[in-house]
Amino acid sequence: MNTSFIFFLFIALFIFLSAFFTVKQQTAVIIERFGKFLSIRHSGLQLKIPLIDRIAGRVNLKIQQLDVIIETKTKDNVFVKLKVSVQFMVVKETVYDAFYKLEYPHDQITSYVFDVVRAEVPKLKLDDVFERKDDIAVAVKRELNEAMTTYGYTIINTLVTDIDPDIQVKNAMNRINAADREKTVAEFEAEASRIRIVAKAKAEAESKRLQGQGIADQRREIARGLVESVDVLNKVGINSQEASALIVVTQHYDTLQAIGADANSNLILLPNSPQAGSEMLNNMVASFSASNQVGEMMKKNKKVTPKKAEPKSEEPENISDETDEI
């Protein structure tokens, strides 16, 4: 008797406690009575009739993510794998539709993602797939929203998180990219080389110009110095020929001194004997004297002698005038 009472008491306590249940935050519980929908219970402590009401299921109201990997081909016949991440959730007001209308939501979402991606990607080339992945994501979201709203789901966002073409295609793209960068480097190096060549040519031209200007200034100053030296020598009774000869001899010895000052010089000035200076001076003085004598003789020959009388006529006079002018 006592044992039976304890047993029935235990059963009664179990049934009583089964009438209470708790629902977690962001979760909805479906209650059915004899297999028919009764109510939706939300977070907190809830009560149901034991043995009559039962918990048919729980619906997650949090934002969920489903990653879908699709393999398709592009417009230029390149097979590529895309990873599309779909973020979705059940609307609180449409828990009934989400629980009763759709049994496998993940499979349904995956099917729609496959359908949209395989409709959009074949329209694009591989490069365009990378550039317009956001357009693909927007198309997937639009199509999913239209389809899943009927079942109580809303699509928060869709993201194309990975685009993975075939390994050979990736290697070819890397080679193209490397070749393009090498081309750019070669162009910059060629431009830099051209700039260096132009700058060097300009520098050389400027150097030659300044060098020529320096040589011209040097020769002008030398000529001015020679004129001044001749003037000074003339003042002490040395005529221009002797002064010029003396200056030439002086420069001769200055040149010999400059050659001897350089230990590594291979230049030899001929004649370079001790008598060379005096012989040069005598020869120059003699040449100047001879040139003066020749000049005097030419002056004497240029003197006009009396001409014989000739019959007057216009034509001979004209001929004579033309001859004199010639």
C-alpha atoms as a PDB file:
ATOM      1  CA  MET A   1       0.000   0.000   0.000  1.00  0.00           C
ATOM      2  CA  ASN A   2       2.651   2.417   0.887  1.00  0.00           C
ATOM      3  CA  THR A   3       4.637   1.461  -2.173  1.00  0.00           C
ATOM      4  CA  SER A   4       1.706   1.962  -4.536  1.00  0.00           C
ATOM      5  CA  PHE A   5       0.934   5.299  -2.968  1.00  0.00           C
ATOM      6  CA  ILE A   6       4.484   6.455  -3.407  1.00  0.00           C
ATOM      7  CA  PHE A   7       4.455   5.305  -7.008  1.00  0.00           C
ATOM      8  CA  PHE A   8       1.246   7.162  -7.826  1.00  0.00           C
ATOM      9  CA  LEU A   9       2.531  10.212  -5.996  1.00  0.00           C
ATOM     10  CA  PHE A  10       5.672  10.131  -8.054  1.00  0.00           C
ATOM     11  CA  ILE A  11       3.653   9.847 -11.291  1.00  0.00           C
ATOM     12  CA  ALA A  12       1.428  12.744 -10.259  1.00  0.00           C
ATOM     13  CA  LEU A  13       4.408  14.887  -9.423  1.00  0.00           C
ATOM     14  CA  PHE A  14       5.988  14.098 -12.779  1.00  0.00           C
ATOM     15  CA  ILE A  15       2.811  15.002 -14.659  1.00  0.00           C
ATOM     16  CA  PHE A  16       2.468  18.208 -12.708  1.00  0.00           C
ATOM     17  CA  LEU A  17       6.007  19.270 -13.395  1.00  0.00           C
ATOM     18  CA  SER A  18       5.681  18.413 -17.107  1.00  0.00           C
ATOM     19  CA  ALA A  19       3.039  21.106 -17.362  1.00  0.00           C
ATOM     20  CA  PHE A  20       5.736  23.741 -16.941  1.00  0.00           C
ATOM     21  CA  PHE A  21       8.457  24.495 -19.450  1.00  0.00           C
ATOM     22  CA  THR A  22      10.805  27.345 -20.255  1.00  0.00           C
ATOM     23  CA  VAL A  23      11.551  29.049 -23.550  1.00  0.00           C
ATOM     24  CA  LYS A  24      14.957  30.620 -24.186  1.00  0.00           C
ATOM     25  CA  GLN A  25      15.469  34.126 -25.439  1.00  0.00           C
ATOM     26  CA  GLN A  26      15.194  34.539 -29.257  1.00  0.00           C
ATOM     27  CA  THR A  27      13.368  31.242 -29.478  1.00  0.00           C
ATOM     28  CA  ALA A  28       9.746  30.401 -30.254  1.00  0.00           C
ATOM     29  CA  VAL A  29       7.994  27.164 -29.214  1.00  0.00           C
ATOM     30  CA  ILE A  30       5.137  25.633 -31.155  1.00  0.00           C
ATOM     31  CA  ILE A  31       2.412  24.044 -28.957  1.00  0.00           C
ATOM     32  CA  GLU A  32       0.023  21.478 -30.436  1.00  0.00           C
ATOM     33  CA  ARG A  33      -3.042  19.867 -28.900  1.00  0.00           C
ATOM     34  CA  PHE A  34      -3.768  16.418 -30.158  1.00  0.00           C
ATOM     35  CA  GLY A  35      -1.642  17.146 -33.221  1.00  0.00           C
ATOM     36  CA  LYS A  36      -3.286  20.470 -34.038  1.00  0.00           C
ATOM     37  CA  PHE A  37      -1.600  23.832 -33.782  1.00  0.00           C
ATOM     38  CA  LEU A  38      -2.530  25.570 -30.576  1.00  0.00           C
ATOM     39  CA  SER A  39      -0.202  28.478 -29.885  1.00  0.00           C
ATOM     40  CA  ILE A  40       3.259  29.966 -30.100  1.00  0.00           C
ATOM     41  CA  ARG A  41       5.103  30.564 -26.866  1.00  0.00           C
ATOM     42  CA  HIS A  42       8.028  32.953 -26.477  1.00  0.00           C
ATOM     43  CA  SER A  43      10.790  33.376 -23.915  1.00  0.00           C
ATOM     44  CA  GLY A  44      10.031  32.758 -20.252  1.00  0.00           C
ATOM     45  CA  LEU A  45       8.221  30.210 -18.059  1.00  0.00           C
ATOM     46  CA  GLN A  46       5.265  28.696 -19.886  1.00  0.00           C
ATOM     47  CA  LEU A  47       2.437  26.313 -18.989  1.00  0.00           C
ATOM     48  CA  LYS A  48       0.682  23.602 -20.946  1.00  0.00           C
ATOM     49  CA  ILE A  49      -1.786  20.870 -20.159  1.00  0.00           C
ATOM     50  CA  PRO A  50       0.081  17.642 -19.526  1.00  0.00           C
ATOM     51  CA  LEU A  51      -0.740  14.683 -21.733  1.00  0.00           C
ATOM     52  CA  ILE A  52      -2.907  16.909 -23.932  1.00  0.00           C
ATOM     53  CA  ASP A  53      -0.634  19.644 -25.126  1.00  0.00           C
ATOM     54  CA  ARG A  54       2.828  18.943 -26.430  1.00  0.00           C
ATOM     55  CA  ILE A  55       5.806  20.893 -27.723  1.00  0.00           C
ATOM     56  CA  ALA A  56       5.818  20.335 -31.486  1.00  0.00           C
ATOM     57  CA  GLY A  57       9.061  22.153 -32.096  1.00  0.00           C
ATOM     58  CA  ARG A  58      11.308  25.103 -31.425  1.00  0.00           C
ATOM     59  CA  VAL A  59      12.122  27.848 -33.936  1.00  0.00           C
ATOM     60  CA  ASN A  60      15.350  29.823 -33.707  1.00  0.00           C
ATOM     61  CA  LEU A  61      14.767  33.565 -34.093  1.00  0.00           C
ATOM     62  CA  LYS A  62      18.458  34.489 -34.231  1.00  0.00           C
ATOM     63  CA  ILE A  63      20.249  35.539 -37.391  1.00  0.00           C
ATOM     64  CA  GLN A  64      21.685  32.431 -38.999  1.00  0.00           C
ATOM     65  CA  GLN A  65      24.294  31.999 -41.715  1.00  0.00           C
ATOM     66  CA  LEU A  66      24.420  29.414 -44.436  1.00  0.00           C
ATOM     67  CA  ASP A  67      27.553  29.000 -46.584  1.00  0.00           C
ATOM     68  CA  VAL A  68      26.883  27.664 -50.062  1.00  0.00           C
ATOM     69  CA  ILE A  69      29.685  26.592 -52.446  1.00  0.00           C
ATOM     70  CA  ILE A  70      28.721  26.603 -56.104  1.00  0.00           C
ATOM     71  CA  GLU A  71      30.788  25.508 -59.092  1.00  0.00           C
ATOM     72  CA  THR A  72      29.866  27.115 -62.388  1.00  0.00           C
ATOM     73  CA  LYS A  73      31.519  28.459 -65.523  1.00  0.00           C
ATOM     74  CA  THR A  74      31.943  31.974 -66.813  1.00  0.00           C
ATOM     75  CA  LYS A  75      31.239  33.465 -70.223  1.00  0.00           C
ATOM     76  CA  ASP A  76      34.821  32.748 -71.331  1.00  0.00           C
ATOM     77  CA  ASN A  77      34.423  29.048 -70.374  1.00  0.00           C
ATOM     78  CA  VAL A  78      36.418  29.151 -67.132  1.00  0.00           C
ATOM     79  CA  PHE A  79      35.160  26.948 -64.302  1.00  0.00           C
ATOM     80  CA  VAL A  80      35.096  28.750 -60.994  1.00  0.00           C
ATOM     81  CA  LYS A  81      33.929  27.995 -57.455  1.00  0.00           C
ATOM     82  CA  LEU A  82      32.027  30.666 -55.555  1.00  0.00           C
ATOM     83  CA  LYS A  83      31.315  30.700 -51.845  1.00  0.00           C
ATOM     84  CA  VAL A  84      28.110  32.573 -51.046  1.00  0.00           C
ATOM     85  CA  SER A  85      27.248  33.328 -47.422  1.00  0.00           C
ATOM     86  CA  VAL A  86      23.531  33.881 -46.796  1.00  0.00           C
ATOM     87  CA  GLN A  87      22.463  35.540 -43.547  1.00  0.00           C
ATOM     88  CA  PHE A  88      18.789  34.980 -42.752  1.00  0.00           C
ATOM     89  CA  MET A  89      16.350  34.852 -39.855  1.00  0.00           C
ATOM     90  CA  VAL A  90      12.769  33.912 -39.039  1.00  0.00           C
ATOM     91  CA  VAL A  91      10.430  36.854 -38.555  1.00  0.00           C
ATOM     92  CA  LYS A  92       8.773  36.742 -35.136  1.00  0.00           C
ATOM     93  CA  GLU A  93       5.337  37.367 -36.580  1.00  0.00           C
ATOM     94  CA  THR A  94       5.664  34.565 -39.143  1.00  0.00           C
ATOM     95  CA  VAL A  95       6.878  31.704 -36.959  1.00  0.00           C
ATOM     96  CA  TYR A  96       3.843  29.626 -37.967  1.00  0.00           C
ATOM     97  CA  ASP A  97       4.758  29.834 -41.682  1.00  0.00           C
ATOM     98  CA  ALA A  98       8.422  29.124 -41.013  1.00  0.00           C
ATOM     99  CA  PHE A  99       7.561  25.988 -39.003  1.00  0.00           C
ATOM    100  CA  TYR A 100       4.717  24.510 -41.003  1.00  0.00           C
ATOM    101  CA  LYS A 101       5.302  25.622 -44.576  1.00  0.00           C
ATOM    102  CA  LEU A 102       8.988  24.783 -44.948  1.00  0.00           C
ATOM    103  CA  GLU A 103      10.515  21.639 -43.557  1.00  0.00           C
ATOM    104  CA  TYR A 104      14.114  22.046 -44.736  1.00  0.00           C
ATOM    105  CA  PRO A 105      14.921  25.781 -45.036  1.00  0.00           C
ATOM    106  CA  HIS A 106      18.636  25.267 -45.591  1.00  0.00           C
ATOM    107  CA  ASP A 107      18.033  23.047 -48.587  1.00  0.00           C
ATOM    108  CA  GLN A 108      15.535  25.513 -49.994  1.00  0.00           C
ATOM    109  CA  ILE A 109      17.933  28.461 -49.624  1.00  0.00           C
ATOM    110  CA  THR A 110      20.753  26.442 -51.159  1.00  0.00           C
ATOM    111  CA  SER A 111      18.627  25.606 -54.198  1.00  0.00           C
ATOM    112  CA  TYR A 112      17.769  29.250 -54.809  1.00  0.00           C
ATOM    113  CA  VAL A 113      21.410  30.318 -54.422  1.00  0.00           C
ATOM    114  CA  PHE A 114      22.483  27.706 -56.964  1.00  0.00           C
ATOM    115  CA  ASP A 115      19.783  28.828 -59.371  1.00  0.00           C
ATOM    116  CA  VAL A 116      20.651  32.538 -59.181  1.00  0.00           C
ATOM    117  CA  VAL A 117      24.429  32.154 -59.280  1.00  0.00           C
ATOM    118  CA  ARG A 118      24.339  29.754 -62.225  1.00  0.00           C
ATOM    119  CA  ALA A 119      22.103  32.212 -64.041  1.00  0.00           C
ATOM    120  CA  GLU A 120      24.247  35.298 -63.377  1.00  0.00           C
ATOM    121  CA  VAL A 121      27.859  34.092 -63.578  1.00  0.00           C
ATOM    122  CA  PRO A 122      27.687  32.609 -67.127  1.00  0.00           C
ATOM    123  CA  LYS A 123      26.845  36.128 -68.346  1.00  0.00           C
ATOM    124  CA  LEU A 124      30.167  37.485 -67.107  1.00  0.00           C
ATOM    125  CA  LYS A 125      33.801  36.946 -67.970  1.00  0.00           C
ATOM    126  CA  LEU A 126      36.183  35.831 -65.252  1.00  0.00           C
ATOM    127  CA  ASP A 127      37.602  39.313 -64.659  1.00  0.00           C
ATOM    128  CA  ASP A 128      34.076  40.717 -64.467  1.00  0.00           C
ATOM    129  CA  VAL A 129      33.119  38.104 -61.871  1.00  0.00           C
ATOM    130  CA  PHE A 130      35.782  39.488 -59.536  1.00  0.00           C
ATOM    131  CA  GLU A 131      34.802  43.084 -60.252  1.00  0.00           C
ATOM    132  CA  ARG A 132      31.033  42.574 -60.049  1.00  0.00           C
ATOM    133  CA  LYS A 133      30.729  40.091 -57.205  1.00  0.00           C
ATOM    134  CA  ASP A 134      28.589  42.611 -55.306  1.00  0.00           C
ATOM    135  CA  ASP A 135      26.096  42.589 -58.185  1.00  0.00           C
ATOM    136  CA  ILE A 136      25.911  38.801 -57.931  1.00  0.00           C
ATOM    137  CA  ALA A 137      25.286  39.056 -54.179  1.00  0.00           C
ATOM    138  CA  VAL A 138      22.518  41.627 -54.719  1.00  0.00           C
ATOM    139  CA  ALA A 139      20.850  39.378 -57.307  1.00  0.00           C
ATOM    140  CA  VAL A 140      20.946  36.415 -54.904  1.00  0.00           C
ATOM    141  CA  LYS A 141      19.482  38.480 -52.079  1.00  0.00           C
ATOM    142  CA  ARG A 142      16.685  39.842 -54.268  1.00  0.00           C
ATOM    143  CA  GLU A 143      15.706  36.387 -55.523  1.00  0.00           C
ATOM    144  CA  LEU A 144      15.871  34.811 -52.063  1.00  0.00           C
ATOM    145  CA  ASN A 145      13.786  37.563 -50.472  1.00  0.00           C
ATOM    146  CA  GLU A 146      11.040  37.093 -53.026  1.00  0.00           C
ATOM    147  CA  ALA A 147      11.022  33.332 -52.472  1.00  0.00           C
ATOM    148  CA  MET A 148      11.617  32.991 -48.732  1.00  0.00           C
ATOM    149  CA  THR A 149       9.238  35.719 -47.551  1.00  0.00           C
ATOM    150  CA  THR A 150       6.394  33.353 -48.329  1.00  0.00           C
ATOM    151  CA  TYR A 151       7.835  30.864 -45.852  1.00  0.00           C
ATOM    152  CA  GLY A 152       8.349  33.366 -43.051  1.00  0.00           C
ATOM    153  CA  TYR A 153      12.049  33.956 -43.598  1.00  0.00           C
ATOM    154  CA  THR A 154      13.782  37.234 -44.334  1.00  0.00           C
ATOM    155  CA  ILE A 155      17.200  37.531 -45.932  1.00  0.00           C
ATOM    156  CA  ILE A 156      19.433  39.939 -44.021  1.00  0.00           C
ATOM    157  CA  ASN A 157      22.392  39.907 -46.397  1.00  0.00           C
ATOM    158  CA  THR A 158      24.214  37.819 -48.972  1.00  0.00           C
ATOM    159  CA  LEU A 159      27.955  37.946 -49.510  1.00  0.00           C
ATOM    160  CA  VAL A 160      30.193  36.419 -52.163  1.00  0.00           C
ATOM    161  CA  THR A 161      33.081  35.647 -49.836  1.00  0.00           C
ATOM    162  CA  ASP A 162      35.323  33.628 -52.146  1.00  0.00           C
ATOM    163  CA  ILE A 163      35.975  33.234 -55.872  1.00  0.00           C
ATOM    164  CA  ASP A 164      38.243  30.323 -56.661  1.00  0.00           C
ATOM    165  CA  PRO A 165      39.014  29.610 -60.350  1.00  0.00           C
ATOM    166  CA  ASP A 166      40.895  26.549 -61.533  1.00  0.00           C
ATOM    167  CA  ILE A 167      44.548  26.384 -60.417  1.00  0.00           C
ATOM    168  CA  GLN A 168      45.837  26.596 -64.002  1.00  0.00           C
ATOM    169  CA  VAL A 169      43.749  29.703 -64.610  1.00  0.00           C
ATOM    170  CA  LYS A 170      45.095  31.311 -61.438  1.00  0.00           C
ATOM    171  CA  ASN A 171      48.663  30.556 -62.502  1.00  0.00           C
ATOM    172  CA  ALA A 172      47.986  32.094 -65.926  1.00  0.00           C
ATOM    173  CA  MET A 173      46.488  35.196 -64.297  1.00  0.00           C
ATOM    174  CA  ASN A 174      49.522  35.506 -62.033  1.00  0.00           C
ATOM    175  CA  ARG A 175      51.849  35.249 -65.033  1.00  0.00           C
ATOM    176  CA  ILE A 176      49.869  37.925 -66.878  1.00  0.00           C
ATOM    177  CA  ASN A 177      50.011  40.179 -63.855  1.00  0.00           C
ATOM    178  CA  ALA A 178      53.753  39.596 -63.434  1.00  0.00           C
ATOM    179  CA  ALA A 179      54.384  40.273 -67.139  1.00  0.00           C
ATOM    180  CA  ASP A 180      52.366  43.493 -66.963  1.00  0.00           C
ATOM    181  CA  ARG A 181      54.335  44.676 -63.947  1.00  0.00           C
ATOM    182  CA  GLU A 182      57.621  43.808 -65.649  1.00  0.00           C
ATOM    183  CA  LYS A 183      56.487  45.828 -68.668  1.00  0.00           C
ATOM    184  CA  THR A 184      55.752  48.794 -66.419  1.00  0.00           C
ATOM    185  CA  VAL A 185      59.157  48.461 -64.748  1.00  0.00           C
ATOM    186  CA  ALA A 186      60.871  48.323 -68.161  1.00  0.00           C
ATOM    187  CA  GLU A 187      59.025  51.469 -69.269  1.00  0.00           C
ATOM    188  CA  PHE A 188      60.059  53.349 -66.148  1.00  0.00           C
ATOM    189  CA  GLU A 189      63.659  52.163 -66.474  1.00  0.00           C
ATOM    190  CA  ALA A 190      63.749  53.231 -70.133  1.00  0.00           C
ATOM    191  CA  GLU A 191      62.338  56.637 -69.226  1.00  0.00           C
ATOM    192  CA  ALA A 192      64.902  57.025 -66.442  1.00  0.00           C
ATOM    193  CA  SER A 193      67.701  56.016 -68.840  1.00  0.00           C
ATOM    194  CA  ARG A 194      66.464  58.541 -71.394  1.00  0.00           C
ATOM    195  CA  ILE A 195      66.399  61.280 -68.773  1.00  0.00           C
ATOM    196  CA  ARG A 196      69.952  60.412 -67.699  1.00  0.00           C
ATOM    197  CA  ILE A 197      71.184  60.462 -71.311  1.00  0.00           C
ATOM    198  CA  VAL A 198      69.504  63.804 -72.026  1.00  0.00           C
ATOM    199  CA  ALA A 199      70.826  65.304 -68.807  1.00  0.00           C
ATOM    200  CA  LYS A 200      74.330  64.028 -69.564  1.00  0.00           C
ATOM    201  CA  ALA A 201      74.183  65.441 -73.105  1.00  0.00           C
ATOM    202  CA  LYS A 202      73.014  68.811 -71.806  1.00  0.00           C
ATOM    203  CA  ALA A 203      75.784  68.813 -69.208  1.00  0.00           C
ATOM    204  CA  GLU A 204      78.402  67.962 -71.830  1.00  0.00           C
ATOM    205  CA  ALA A 205      77.083  70.664 -74.160  1.00  0.00           C
ATOM    206  CA  GLU A 206      77.182  73.217 -71.364  1.00  0.00           C
ATOM    207  CA  SER A 207      80.681  72.047 -70.416  1.00  0.00           C
ATOM    208  CA  LYS A 208      81.894  72.399 -74.015  1.00  0.00           C
ATOM    209  CA  ARG A 209      80.337  75.844 -74.266  1.00  0.00           C
ATOM    210  CA  LEU A 210      81.965  77.023 -71.072  1.00  0.00           C
ATOM    211  CA  GLN A 211      85.257  75.402 -72.084  1.00  0.00           C
ATOM    212  CA  GLY A 212      85.188  77.203 -75.448  1.00  0.00           C
ATOM    213  CA  GLN A 213      84.300  80.454 -73.734  1.00  0.00           C
ATOM    214  CA  GLY A 214      87.200  79.933 -71.321  1.00  0.00           C
ATOM    215  CA  ILE A 215      89.644  79.251 -74.158  1.00  0.00           C
ATOM    216  CA  ALA A 216      88.423  82.334 -76.015  1.00  0.00           C
ATOM    217  CA  ASP A 217      88.810  84.470 -72.889  1.00  0.00           C
ATOM    218  CA  GLN A 218      92.268  82.986 -72.295  1.00  0.00           C
ATOM    219  CA  ARG A 219      93.434  83.779 -75.812  1.00  0.00           C
ATOM    220  CA  ARG A 220      91.958  87.267 -75.602  1.00  0.00           C
ATOM    221  CA  GLU A 221      93.828  87.931 -72.382  1.00  0.00           C
ATOM    222  CA  ILE A 222      97.036  86.503 -73.867  1.00  0.00           C
ATOM    223  CA  ALA A 223      96.681  88.804 -76.861  1.00  0.00           C
ATOM    224  CA  ARG A 224      96.019  91.755 -74.574  1.00  0.00           C
ATOM    225  CA  GLY A 225      99.087  90.846 -72.513  1.00  0.00           C
ATOM    226  CA  LEU A 226     101.214  90.597 -75.643  1.00  0.00           C
ATOM    227  CA  VAL A 227     100.079  94.045 -76.761  1.00  0.00           C
ATOM    228  CA  GLU A 228     100.936  95.495 -73.372  1.00  0.00           C
ATOM    229  CA  SER A 229     104.329  93.751 -73.377  1.00  0.00           C
ATOM    230  CA  VAL A 230     105.187  95.156 -76.815  1.00  0.00           C
ATOM    231  CA  ASP A 231     104.185  98.638 -75.671  1.00  0.00           C
ATOM    232  CA  VAL A 232     106.447  98.396 -72.612  1.00  0.00           C
ATOM    233  CA  LEU A 233     109.401  97.168 -74.690  1.00  0.00           C
ATOM    234  CA  ASN A 234     108.871  99.916 -77.229  1.00  0.00           C
ATOM    235  CA  LYS A 235     109.157 102.487 -74.458  1.00  0.00           C
ATOM    236  CA  VAL A 236     112.703 101.233 -73.593  1.00  0.00           C
ATOM    237  CA  GLY A 237     113.912 101.400 -77.200  1.00  0.00           C
ATOM    238  CA  ILE A 238     113.103  97.899 -78.461  1.00  0.00           C
ATOM    239  CA  ASN A 239     111.215  97.926 -81.721  1.00  0.00           C
ATOM    240  CA  SER A 240     108.135  95.784 -82.399  1.00  0.00           C
ATOM    241  CA  GLN A 241     110.005  93.054 -84.329  1.00  0.00           C
ATOM    242  CA  GLU A 242     112.580  92.566 -81.577  1.00  0.00           C
ATOM    243  CA  ALA A 243     109.891  92.714 -78.920  1.00  0.00           C
ATOM    244  CA  SER A 244     107.842  90.045 -80.709  1.00  0.00           C
ATOM    245  CA  ALA A 245     110.913  87.833 -81.073  1.00  0.00           C
ATOM    246  CA  LEU A 246     111.733  88.254 -77.385  1.00  0.00           C
ATOM    247  CA  ILE A 247     108.199  87.356 -76.344  1.00  0.00           C
ATOM    248  CA  VAL A 248     108.230  84.233 -78.504  1.00  0.00           C
ATOM    249  CA  VAL A 249     111.530  83.123 -77.004  1.00  0.00           C
ATOM    250  CA  THR A 250     110.191  83.766 -73.494  1.00  0.00           C
ATOM    251  CA  GLN A 251     107.131  81.634 -74.194  1.00  0.00           C
ATOM    252  CA  HIS A 252     109.425  78.941 -75.576  1.00  0.00           C
ATOM    253  CA  TYR A 253     111.300  78.731 -72.305  1.00  0.00           C
ATOM    254  CA  ASP A 254     108.072  78.893 -70.299  1.00  0.00           C
ATOM    255  CA  THR A 255     106.836  75.897 -72.267  1.00  0.00           C
ATOM    256  CA  LEU A 256     110.049  73.986 -71.561  1.00  0.00           C
ATOM    257  CA  GLN A 257     109.682  74.780 -67.868  1.00  0.00           C
ATOM    258  CA  ALA A 258     106.067  73.559 -67.820  1.00  0.00           C
ATOM    259  CA  ILE A 259     107.064  70.307 -69.554  1.00  0.00           C
ATOM    260  CA  GLY A 260     109.904  69.698 -67.085  1.00  0.00           C
ATOM    261  CA  ALA A 261     107.614  70.310 -64.082  1.00  0.00           C
ATOM    262  CA  ASP A 262     105.470  67.277 -64.969  1.00  0.00           C
ATOM    263  CA  ALA A 263     107.334  64.088 -64.115  1.00  0.00           C
ATOM    264  CA  ASN A 264     104.932  61.887 -66.124  1.00  0.00           C
ATOM    265  CA  SER A 265     104.950  63.971 -69.297  1.00  0.00           C
ATOM    266  CA  ASN A 266     105.919  62.261 -72.571  1.00  0.00           C
ATOM    267  CA  LEU A 267     105.950  65.477 -74.600  1.00  0.00           C
ATOM    268  CA  ILE A 268     109.193  66.493 -76.365  1.00  0.00           C
ATOM    269  CA  LEU A 269     109.607  70.012 -77.766  1.00  0.00           C
ATOM    270  CA  LEU A 270     111.937  70.309 -80.764  1.00  0.00           C
ATOM    271  CA  PRO A 271     114.404  71.952 -81.045  1.00  0.00           C
ATOM    272  CA  ASN A 272     115.334  71.810 -77.357  1.00  0.00           C
ATOM    273  CA  SER A 273     119.125  72.264 -77.439  1.00  0.00           C
ATOM    274  CA  PRO A 274     120.753  75.116 -75.402  1.00  0.00           C
ATOM    275  CA  GLN A 275     121.431  77.066 -78.639  1.00  0.00           C
ATOM    276  CA  ALA A 276     117.806  76.742 -79.750  1.00  0.00           C
ATOM    277  CA  GLY A 277     116.694  79.917 -78.014  1.00  0.00           C
ATOM    278  CA  SER A 278     119.405  82.170 -79.453  1.00  0.00           C
ATOM    279  CA  GLU A 279     119.033  80.654 -82.919  1.00  0.00           C
ATOM    280  CA  MET A 280     115.291  81.221 -82.791  1.00  0.00           C
ATOM    281  CA  LEU A 281     115.789  84.837 -81.695  1.00  0.00           C
ATOM    282  CA  ASN A 282     118.356  85.534 -84.478  1.00  0.00           C
ATOM    283  CA  ASN A 283     116.190  83.868 -87.113  1.00  0.00           C
ATOM    284  CA  MET A 284     113.144  85.865 -86.093  1.00  0.00           C
ATOM    285  CA  VAL A 285     115.056  89.161 -86.067  1.00  0.00           C
ATOM    286  CA  ALA A 286     116.530  88.357 -89.485  1.00  0.00           C
ATOM    287  CA  SER A 287     113.107  87.429 -90.870  1.00  0.00           C
ATOM    288  CA  PHE A 288     111.600  90.628 -89.531  1.00  0.00           C
ATOM    289  CA  SER A 289     114.448  92.675 -91.121  1.00  0.00           C
ATOM    290  CA  ALA A 290     114.023  90.910 -94.434  1.00  0.00           C
ATOM    291  CA  SER A 291     110.293  91.524 -94.355  1.00  0.00           C
ATOM    292  CA  ASN A 292     110.935  95.220 -93.666  1.00  0.00           C
ATOM    293  CA  GLN A 293     113.279  95.452 -96.658  1.00  0.00           C
ATOM    294  CA  VAL A 294     110.740  93.747 -98.897  1.00  0.00           C
ATOM    295  CA  GLY A 295     108.118  96.166 -97.675  1.00  0.00           C
ATOM    296  CA  GLU A 296     110.300  99.182 -98.485  1.00  0.00           C
ATOM    297  CA  MET A 297     110.979  97.906-102.005  1.00  0.00           C
ATOM    298  CA  MET A 298     107.274  97.410-102.630  1.00  0.00           C
ATOM    299  CA  LYS A 299     106.559 100.954-101.508  1.00  0.00           C
ATOM    300  CA  LYS A 300     109.138 102.332-103.948  1.00  0.00           C
ATOM    301  CA  ASN A 301     107.673 100.351-106.853  1.00  0.00           C
ATOM    302  CA  LYS A 302     104.226 101.738-106.099  1.00  0.00           C
ATOM    303  CA  LYS A 303     105.353 105.331-106.716  1.00  0.00           C
ATOM    304  CA  VAL A 304     103.648 106.807-109.864  1.00  0.00           C
ATOM    305  CA  THR A 305     105.953 107.602-112.883  1.00  0.00           C
ATOM    306  CA  PRO A 306     105.057 110.347-115.553  1.00  0.00           C
ATOM    307  CA  LYS A 307     103.004 108.942-118.429  1.00  0.00           C
ATOM    308  CA  LYS A 308     103.660 109.790-122.155  1.00  0.00           C
ATOM    309  CA  ALA A 309     101.213 112.086-123.984  1.00  0.00           C
ATOM    310  CA  GLU A 310      98.646 110.191-125.935  1.00  0.00           C
ATOM    311  CA  PRO A 311      96.221 111.418-128.647  1.00  0.00           C
ATOM    312  CA  LYS A 312      93.030 112.641-127.137  1.00  0.00           C
ATOM    313  CA  SER A 313      90.069 110.467-127.772  1.00  0.00           C
ATOM    314  CA  GLU A 314      87.137 109.415-125.649  1.00  0.00           C
ATOM    315  CA  GLU A 315      87.482 105.704-126.130  1.00  0.00           C
ATOM    316  CA  PRO A 316      91.155 105.342-125.088  1.00  0.00           C
ATOM    317  CA  GLU A 317      90.465 107.472-122.030  1.00  0.00           C
ATOM    318  CA  ASN A 318      87.588 105.255-121.087  1.00  0.00           C
ATOM    319  CA  ILE A 319      89.725 102.169-121.617  1.00  0.00           C
ATOM    320  CA  SER A 320      92.530 103.666-119.519  1.00  0.00           C
ATOM    321  CA  ASP A 321      90.111 104.561-116.768  1.00  0.00           C
ATOM    322  CA  GLU A 322      88.680 101.078-116.776  1.00  0.00           C
ATOM    323  CA  THR A 323      92.221  99.630-116.723  1.00  0.00           C
ATOM    324  CA  ASP A 324      93.212 101.781-113.792  1.00  0.00           C
ATOM    325  CA  GLU A 325      90.111 100.765-111.946  1.00  0.00           C
ATOM    326  CA  ILE A 326      90.882  97.129-112.589  1.00  0.00           C
END
